[in-house]
Structure formats: structure tokens, C-alpha cells
Amino acid sequence: MKNILSIGLLVLAFATTGICAAEIPNLVGNWAGSGPGYQEGTGYVNEEEFGIVTFNITEQNGRLFNGVMTYLLNGTDVNEGFAGAIGADEKTLYVTEFVSGYDVGTVISEDEIELIYIQDGEAGEIFVQTLRRVAE
């Protein structure tokens, strides 16, 4: 009886370890999308007015990643570097953009993420962007 209980506890320990050991998502690749927002001085902006945002995640080292994003500003494509981290829950994203602003996001699936862009100050704005992985 003691051996059966010991084996049962050992199996339970291995099963629990497997449940807790989530896999870090691989974000390397191209992501594109858009979403609505609000800009100080302009008001609400729909995704058609703002255009497509692309994130090219070029490197990932564990839960850290970096790359270059491209967006349209006053009719001109702007390229801006960024770096980010995947939270301990392996779903939450934190991104700092090298020119200005931050993104907080969620991994929805292997091929979809949501980023909420936040810029404070006099030119404050916020956007909710749904990005999907672009097939290469």
C-alpha cells in the first residue's frame, strides 16, 4: 500500500510539473495590423484613418525580444526600433519604443497579439492594435 501511494504521489508530481511548465512563445517574424485610438487634439481615430502598423521582431532571447516597427506619420513611413519582454505568465507583453511610448499587450494565439500603445504628455494618445503574424 505504501508503494502504491509513493508511486501515485510521484506521478502527480510529474503531472503537475508538466502543467506548470508553459512554453515561451516564439514572436520572431513579421506582424501587421491596426486598431482604433484616441489622440489629444484630434479625438477618436478609427483604424482606417491611422493605417497599418508592422512589427518586425528580428531577435528573441528567452523572454526578451527586439526589432523595428513601421507606421505612417503625416504621409511618411517611419521606422522605429523597440525592445520588449514577455511576462512570467508567458502571455503578457511589455514593449518600449525607442522614440517614445510604450505598449502593453497579450499573446492571443501563436499568430495573433494585441498591443495597447500608450504615449503620455501633451501629445498623449492611446491605440488598441490587433496584429497578426504575416506569412513569409
N, C-alpha and C. Protein backbone atom coordinates (compact mmCIF):
# COMPACT_ATOMS: atom_id res chain seq x y z
N MET A 1 0.83 -1.20 0.00
CA MET A 1 0.00 0.00 0.00
C MET A 1 0.87 1.25 0.00
N LYS A 2 1.95 1.20 0.79
CA LYS A 2 2.86 2.34 0.88
C LYS A 2 3.52 2.60 -0.48
N ASN A 3 3.87 1.51 -1.20
CA ASN A 3 4.50 1.67 -2.52
C ASN A 3 3.53 2.27 -3.53
N ILE A 4 2.27 1.86 -3.48
CA ILE A 4 1.27 2.40 -4.39
C ILE A 4 1.07 3.89 -4.13
N LEU A 5 1.01 4.29 -2.88
CA LEU A 5 0.87 5.70 -2.52
C LEU A 5 2.08 6.50 -2.98
N SER A 6 3.27 5.97 -2.81
CA SER A 6 4.50 6.65 -3.24
C SER A 6 4.52 6.83 -4.75
N ILE A 7 4.15 5.78 -5.48
CA ILE A 7 4.11 5.87 -6.94
C ILE A 7 3.05 6.89 -7.37
N GLY A 8 1.90 6.89 -6.73
CA GLY A 8 0.84 7.85 -7.05
C GLY A 8 1.30 9.28 -6.83
N LEU A 9 1.99 9.55 -5.74
CA LEU A 9 2.50 10.90 -5.47
C LEU A 9 3.56 11.30 -6.49
N LEU A 10 4.40 10.37 -6.89
CA LEU A 10 5.43 10.64 -7.89
C LEU A 10 4.80 11.00 -9.23
N VAL A 11 3.78 10.23 -9.64
CA VAL A 11 3.06 10.52 -10.90
C VAL A 11 2.39 11.88 -10.82
N LEU A 12 1.78 12.20 -9.70
CA LEU A 12 1.13 13.51 -9.51
C LEU A 12 2.14 14.64 -9.60
N ALA A 13 3.32 14.44 -9.00
CA ALA A 13 4.37 15.47 -9.05
C ALA A 13 4.81 15.72 -10.48
N PHE A 14 5.02 14.67 -11.28
CA PHE A 14 5.42 14.85 -12.68
C PHE A 14 4.32 15.50 -13.50
N ALA A 15 3.08 15.13 -13.27
CA ALA A 15 1.95 15.71 -14.00
C ALA A 15 1.81 17.19 -13.69
N THR A 16 1.96 17.56 -12.43
CA THR A 16 1.86 18.97 -12.03
C THR A 16 2.98 19.79 -12.64
N THR A 17 4.19 19.22 -12.67
CA THR A 17 5.33 19.92 -13.27
C THR A 17 5.06 20.21 -14.74
N GLY A 18 4.49 19.25 -15.46
CA GLY A 18 4.17 19.45 -16.87
C GLY A 18 3.14 20.53 -17.08
N ILE A 19 2.17 20.65 -16.19
CA ILE A 19 1.14 21.67 -16.30
C ILE A 19 1.73 23.05 -16.06
N CYS A 20 2.63 23.18 -15.12
CA CYS A 20 3.19 24.48 -14.76
C CYS A 20 4.24 24.97 -15.74
N ALA A 21 4.86 24.07 -16.48
CA ALA A 21 5.96 24.45 -17.36
C ALA A 21 5.42 24.88 -18.72
N ALA A 22 4.91 26.10 -18.82
CA ALA A 22 4.40 26.63 -20.08
C ALA A 22 5.58 26.97 -20.98
N GLU A 23 5.32 27.02 -22.26
CA GLU A 23 6.37 27.28 -23.23
C GLU A 23 6.38 28.76 -23.61
N ILE A 24 7.56 29.35 -23.66
CA ILE A 24 7.71 30.75 -24.06
C ILE A 24 7.32 30.86 -25.55
N PRO A 25 6.40 31.76 -25.90
CA PRO A 25 6.01 31.88 -27.31
C PRO A 25 7.14 32.45 -28.15
N ASN A 26 7.27 31.96 -29.36
CA ASN A 26 8.26 32.48 -30.31
C ASN A 26 7.60 33.60 -31.10
N LEU A 27 8.06 34.84 -30.89
CA LEU A 27 7.46 36.00 -31.54
C LEU A 27 8.24 36.48 -32.76
N VAL A 28 9.38 35.86 -33.06
CA VAL A 28 10.20 36.29 -34.19
C VAL A 28 9.39 36.20 -35.48
N GLY A 29 9.43 37.27 -36.26
CA GLY A 29 8.72 37.31 -37.53
C GLY A 29 8.07 38.66 -37.74
N ASN A 30 7.28 38.74 -38.78
CA ASN A 30 6.59 39.98 -39.13
C ASN A 30 5.14 39.92 -38.67
N TRP A 31 4.69 41.00 -38.06
CA TRP A 31 3.33 41.14 -37.55
C TRP A 31 2.75 42.42 -38.13
N ALA A 32 1.48 42.41 -38.51
CA ALA A 32 0.86 43.60 -39.07
C ALA A 32 -0.59 43.70 -38.60
N GLY A 33 -1.04 44.94 -38.44
CA GLY A 33 -2.43 45.15 -38.05
C GLY A 33 -2.71 46.60 -37.78
N SER A 34 -3.85 46.84 -37.20
CA SER A 34 -4.27 48.21 -36.89
C SER A 34 -5.32 48.16 -35.80
N GLY A 35 -5.82 49.32 -35.47
CA GLY A 35 -6.86 49.39 -34.47
C GLY A 35 -7.22 50.82 -34.16
N PRO A 36 -8.30 51.02 -33.46
CA PRO A 36 -8.77 52.37 -33.13
C PRO A 36 -7.94 53.00 -32.02
N GLY A 37 -8.07 54.31 -31.90
CA GLY A 37 -7.33 55.01 -30.85
C GLY A 37 -7.96 56.34 -30.50
N TYR A 38 -7.26 57.04 -29.65
CA TYR A 38 -7.67 58.39 -29.24
C TYR A 38 -6.41 59.24 -29.16
N GLN A 39 -6.43 60.43 -29.79
CA GLN A 39 -5.30 61.35 -29.78
C GLN A 39 -5.74 62.69 -29.21
N GLU A 40 -4.92 63.24 -28.31
CA GLU A 40 -5.17 64.58 -27.77
C GLU A 40 -5.22 65.56 -28.94
N GLY A 41 -6.23 66.37 -28.99
CA GLY A 41 -6.37 67.37 -30.04
C GLY A 41 -7.13 66.89 -31.26
N THR A 42 -7.12 65.58 -31.51
CA THR A 42 -7.81 65.01 -32.67
C THR A 42 -9.09 64.31 -32.25
N GLY A 43 -9.03 63.61 -31.13
CA GLY A 43 -10.17 62.83 -30.67
C GLY A 43 -10.03 61.38 -31.10
N TYR A 44 -11.16 60.72 -31.27
CA TYR A 44 -11.17 59.31 -31.64
C TYR A 44 -10.73 59.13 -33.08
N VAL A 45 -9.92 58.12 -33.30
CA VAL A 45 -9.38 57.82 -34.63
C VAL A 45 -9.72 56.36 -34.94
N ASN A 46 -10.34 56.12 -36.12
CA ASN A 46 -10.61 54.72 -36.46
C ASN A 46 -9.41 54.14 -37.20
N GLU A 47 -9.37 52.84 -37.31
CA GLU A 47 -8.19 52.18 -37.86
C GLU A 47 -7.94 52.53 -39.32
N GLU A 48 -8.97 52.86 -40.09
CA GLU A 48 -8.77 53.25 -41.49
C GLU A 48 -8.00 54.57 -41.58
N GLU A 49 -8.24 55.48 -40.65
CA GLU A 49 -7.56 56.78 -40.67
C GLU A 49 -6.08 56.65 -40.30
N PHE A 50 -5.77 55.72 -39.40
CA PHE A 50 -4.39 55.60 -38.92
C PHE A 50 -3.54 54.72 -39.82
N GLY A 51 -4.09 53.68 -40.37
CA GLY A 51 -3.33 52.80 -41.25
C GLY A 51 -2.75 51.59 -40.54
N ILE A 52 -1.96 50.83 -41.29
CA ILE A 52 -1.37 49.58 -40.82
C ILE A 52 -0.06 49.85 -40.07
N VAL A 53 0.11 49.15 -38.97
CA VAL A 53 1.37 49.16 -38.21
C VAL A 53 2.01 47.80 -38.40
N THR A 54 3.32 47.76 -38.66
CA THR A 54 4.01 46.49 -38.76
C THR A 54 5.10 46.41 -37.69
N PHE A 55 5.22 45.26 -37.11
CA PHE A 55 6.29 44.96 -36.15
C PHE A 55 7.12 43.84 -36.75
N ASN A 56 8.40 44.09 -36.96
CA ASN A 56 9.32 43.06 -37.43
C ASN A 56 10.19 42.68 -36.24
N ILE A 57 9.85 41.58 -35.59
CA ILE A 57 10.61 41.11 -34.44
C ILE A 57 11.76 40.28 -34.99
N THR A 58 12.97 40.83 -34.89
CA THR A 58 14.13 40.23 -35.54
C THR A 58 14.90 39.27 -34.64
N GLU A 59 14.84 39.47 -33.33
CA GLU A 59 15.59 38.62 -32.40
C GLU A 59 14.76 38.35 -31.16
N GLN A 60 14.97 37.18 -30.59
CA GLN A 60 14.36 36.84 -29.32
C GLN A 60 15.35 36.00 -28.54
N ASN A 61 15.55 36.36 -27.28
CA ASN A 61 16.44 35.64 -26.38
C ASN A 61 15.63 35.33 -25.12
N GLY A 62 15.07 34.14 -25.05
CA GLY A 62 14.20 33.79 -23.93
C GLY A 62 12.95 34.64 -23.97
N ARG A 63 12.72 35.37 -22.89
CA ARG A 63 11.52 36.21 -22.81
C ARG A 63 11.76 37.64 -23.32
N LEU A 64 12.96 37.95 -23.79
CA LEU A 64 13.27 39.28 -24.32
C LEU A 64 13.31 39.25 -25.84
N PHE A 65 12.86 40.35 -26.47
CA PHE A 65 12.86 40.42 -27.92
C PHE A 65 13.08 41.86 -28.37
N ASN A 66 13.43 42.04 -29.65
CA ASN A 66 13.62 43.39 -30.19
C ASN A 66 13.36 43.38 -31.69
N GLY A 67 13.24 44.58 -32.25
CA GLY A 67 13.02 44.68 -33.68
C GLY A 67 12.76 46.11 -34.12
N VAL A 68 12.09 46.23 -35.24
CA VAL A 68 11.78 47.53 -35.84
C VAL A 68 10.31 47.55 -36.22
N MET A 69 9.65 48.64 -35.89
CA MET A 69 8.25 48.81 -36.29
C MET A 69 8.17 49.89 -37.36
N THR A 70 7.14 49.82 -38.19
CA THR A 70 6.91 50.82 -39.23
C THR A 70 5.47 51.28 -39.13
N TYR A 71 5.29 52.60 -39.18
CA TYR A 71 3.94 53.17 -39.16
C TYR A 71 3.94 54.43 -40.00
N LEU A 72 2.75 54.89 -40.36
CA LEU A 72 2.58 56.07 -41.19
C LEU A 72 2.39 57.30 -40.30
N LEU A 73 3.17 58.35 -40.54
CA LEU A 73 3.04 59.61 -39.80
C LEU A 73 3.08 60.76 -40.81
N ASN A 74 1.98 61.49 -40.91
CA ASN A 74 1.87 62.61 -41.86
C ASN A 74 2.23 62.19 -43.28
N GLY A 75 1.78 61.02 -43.69
CA GLY A 75 2.02 60.55 -45.05
C GLY A 75 3.38 59.92 -45.29
N THR A 76 4.19 59.79 -44.27
CA THR A 76 5.54 59.24 -44.42
C THR A 76 5.71 58.00 -43.55
N ASP A 77 6.32 56.95 -44.11
CA ASP A 77 6.63 55.77 -43.32
C ASP A 77 7.74 56.09 -42.33
N VAL A 78 7.52 55.73 -41.09
CA VAL A 78 8.51 55.93 -40.03
C VAL A 78 8.96 54.56 -39.53
N ASN A 79 10.26 54.36 -39.42
CA ASN A 79 10.82 53.14 -38.84
C ASN A 79 11.35 53.47 -37.45
N GLU A 80 10.97 52.68 -36.46
CA GLU A 80 11.35 52.95 -35.08
C GLU A 80 11.72 51.62 -34.41
N GLY A 81 12.85 51.61 -33.73
CA GLY A 81 13.27 50.42 -33.01
C GLY A 81 12.48 50.25 -31.73
N PHE A 82 12.45 49.03 -31.23
CA PHE A 82 11.77 48.73 -29.97
C PHE A 82 12.41 47.51 -29.33
N ALA A 83 12.16 47.34 -28.06
CA ALA A 83 12.56 46.14 -27.32
C ALA A 83 11.41 45.77 -26.40
N GLY A 84 11.29 44.49 -26.10
CA GLY A 84 10.18 44.07 -25.27
C GLY A 84 10.51 42.86 -24.42
N ALA A 85 9.57 42.55 -23.55
CA ALA A 85 9.69 41.40 -22.67
C ALA A 85 8.35 40.68 -22.59
N ILE A 86 8.43 39.38 -22.44
CA ILE A 86 7.24 38.55 -22.22
C ILE A 86 7.15 38.31 -20.72
N GLY A 87 6.00 38.59 -20.13
CA GLY A 87 5.80 38.43 -18.70
C GLY A 87 5.92 36.98 -18.25
N ALA A 88 5.99 36.79 -16.94
CA ALA A 88 6.14 35.45 -16.36
C ALA A 88 4.98 34.53 -16.71
N ASP A 89 3.81 35.11 -17.02
CA ASP A 89 2.66 34.28 -17.41
C ASP A 89 2.76 33.80 -18.85
N GLU A 90 3.80 34.27 -19.57
CA GLU A 90 4.10 33.92 -20.95
C GLU A 90 2.98 34.31 -21.92
N LYS A 91 2.19 35.32 -21.52
CA LYS A 91 1.13 35.86 -22.36
C LYS A 91 1.18 37.39 -22.42
N THR A 92 1.63 38.03 -21.33
CA THR A 92 1.65 39.49 -21.26
C THR A 92 2.92 40.03 -21.90
N LEU A 93 2.75 41.08 -22.72
CA LEU A 93 3.89 41.71 -23.41
C LEU A 93 4.08 43.12 -22.91
N TYR A 94 5.35 43.52 -22.77
CA TYR A 94 5.72 44.88 -22.38
C TYR A 94 6.75 45.36 -23.40
N VAL A 95 6.47 46.49 -24.07
CA VAL A 95 7.33 46.97 -25.14
C VAL A 95 7.65 48.44 -24.90
N THR A 96 8.93 48.80 -25.06
CA THR A 96 9.32 50.20 -25.06
C THR A 96 9.75 50.57 -26.47
N GLU A 97 9.17 51.65 -26.98
CA GLU A 97 9.53 52.14 -28.31
C GLU A 97 10.65 53.15 -28.13
N PHE A 98 11.67 53.10 -28.98
CA PHE A 98 12.88 53.88 -28.76
C PHE A 98 12.69 55.39 -28.98
N VAL A 99 11.69 55.81 -29.74
CA VAL A 99 11.45 57.25 -29.91
C VAL A 99 10.56 57.76 -28.78
N SER A 100 9.41 57.14 -28.59
CA SER A 100 8.53 57.49 -27.47
C SER A 100 7.41 56.49 -27.37
N GLY A 101 6.89 56.34 -26.19
CA GLY A 101 5.73 55.50 -25.97
C GLY A 101 6.04 54.08 -25.54
N TYR A 102 4.99 53.43 -25.09
CA TYR A 102 5.08 52.06 -24.58
C TYR A 102 3.89 51.27 -25.10
N ASP A 103 4.04 49.95 -25.13
CA ASP A 103 2.94 49.06 -25.47
C ASP A 103 2.83 48.02 -24.36
N VAL A 104 1.61 47.70 -24.01
CA VAL A 104 1.32 46.58 -23.12
C VAL A 104 0.40 45.68 -23.93
N GLY A 105 0.69 44.39 -23.95
CA GLY A 105 -0.10 43.53 -24.82
C GLY A 105 -0.33 42.15 -24.28
N THR A 106 -0.98 41.36 -25.13
CA THR A 106 -1.34 39.99 -24.78
C THR A 106 -1.13 39.10 -26.00
N VAL A 107 -0.54 37.94 -25.77
CA VAL A 107 -0.46 36.93 -26.81
C VAL A 107 -1.83 36.24 -26.84
N ILE A 108 -2.55 36.42 -27.94
CA ILE A 108 -3.88 35.83 -28.09
C ILE A 108 -3.74 34.38 -28.57
N SER A 109 -2.88 34.18 -29.56
CA SER A 109 -2.61 32.84 -30.09
C SER A 109 -1.22 32.87 -30.71
N GLU A 110 -0.81 31.78 -31.30
CA GLU A 110 0.51 31.70 -31.93
C GLU A 110 0.66 32.75 -33.02
N ASP A 111 -0.44 33.13 -33.65
CA ASP A 111 -0.39 34.05 -34.79
C ASP A 111 -1.15 35.35 -34.57
N GLU A 112 -1.49 35.69 -33.33
CA GLU A 112 -2.23 36.93 -33.06
C GLU A 112 -1.83 37.51 -31.71
N ILE A 113 -1.55 38.82 -31.71
CA ILE A 113 -1.26 39.53 -30.47
C ILE A 113 -2.06 40.83 -30.46
N GLU A 114 -2.34 41.32 -29.26
CA GLU A 114 -2.98 42.62 -29.10
C GLU A 114 -1.99 43.51 -28.37
N LEU A 115 -1.77 44.72 -28.89
CA LEU A 115 -0.91 45.70 -28.24
C LEU A 115 -1.71 46.97 -27.96
N ILE A 116 -1.57 47.48 -26.76
CA ILE A 116 -2.18 48.76 -26.40
C ILE A 116 -1.03 49.75 -26.28
N TYR A 117 -0.98 50.69 -27.24
CA TYR A 117 0.07 51.70 -27.28
C TYR A 117 -0.33 52.86 -26.38
N ILE A 118 0.63 53.33 -25.57
CA ILE A 118 0.38 54.42 -24.62
C ILE A 118 1.47 55.47 -24.78
N GLN A 119 1.07 56.71 -25.02
CA GLN A 119 2.01 57.85 -25.01
C GLN A 119 1.42 58.91 -24.12
N ASP A 120 2.20 59.36 -23.15
CA ASP A 120 1.67 60.37 -22.22
C ASP A 120 2.16 61.76 -22.62
N GLY A 121 1.77 62.74 -21.86
CA GLY A 121 2.21 64.11 -22.11
C GLY A 121 1.23 64.90 -22.96
N GLU A 122 1.69 66.05 -23.42
CA GLU A 122 0.83 66.96 -24.19
C GLU A 122 0.32 66.34 -25.48
N ALA A 123 1.11 65.48 -26.10
CA ALA A 123 0.69 64.82 -27.34
C ALA A 123 0.21 63.40 -27.04
N GLY A 124 -0.43 63.21 -25.90
CA GLY A 124 -0.84 61.89 -25.46
C GLY A 124 -1.80 61.22 -26.42
N GLU A 125 -1.66 59.91 -26.50
CA GLU A 125 -2.56 59.12 -27.33
C GLU A 125 -2.55 57.68 -26.85
N ILE A 126 -3.57 56.94 -27.26
CA ILE A 126 -3.67 55.53 -26.92
C ILE A 126 -4.34 54.81 -28.09
N PHE A 127 -3.81 53.64 -28.44
CA PHE A 127 -4.35 52.83 -29.53
C PHE A 127 -4.45 51.39 -29.10
N VAL A 128 -5.47 50.69 -29.55
CA VAL A 128 -5.62 49.26 -29.34
C VAL A 128 -5.42 48.60 -30.70
N GLN A 129 -4.31 47.88 -30.84
CA GLN A 129 -3.94 47.31 -32.14
C GLN A 129 -3.97 45.79 -32.08
N THR A 130 -4.65 45.17 -33.02
CA THR A 130 -4.63 43.71 -33.18
C THR A 130 -3.67 43.40 -34.32
N LEU A 131 -2.61 42.65 -34.02
CA LEU A 131 -1.59 42.32 -35.01
C LEU A 131 -1.63 40.81 -35.27
N ARG A 132 -1.50 40.46 -36.55
CA ARG A 132 -1.45 39.06 -36.93
C ARG A 132 -0.12 38.77 -37.62
N ARG A 133 0.37 37.55 -37.38
CA ARG A 133 1.64 37.15 -37.99
C ARG A 133 1.46 37.10 -39.50
N VAL A 134 2.43 37.67 -40.22
CA VAL A 134 2.42 37.69 -41.67
C VAL A 134 3.25 36.51 -42.17
N ALA A 135 2.66 35.69 -43.03
CA ALA A 135 3.39 34.54 -43.57
C ALA A 135 4.54 35.04 -44.44
N GLU A 136 5.68 34.39 -44.30
CA GLU A 136 6.87 34.82 -45.05
C GLU A 136 7.05 34.03 -46.30
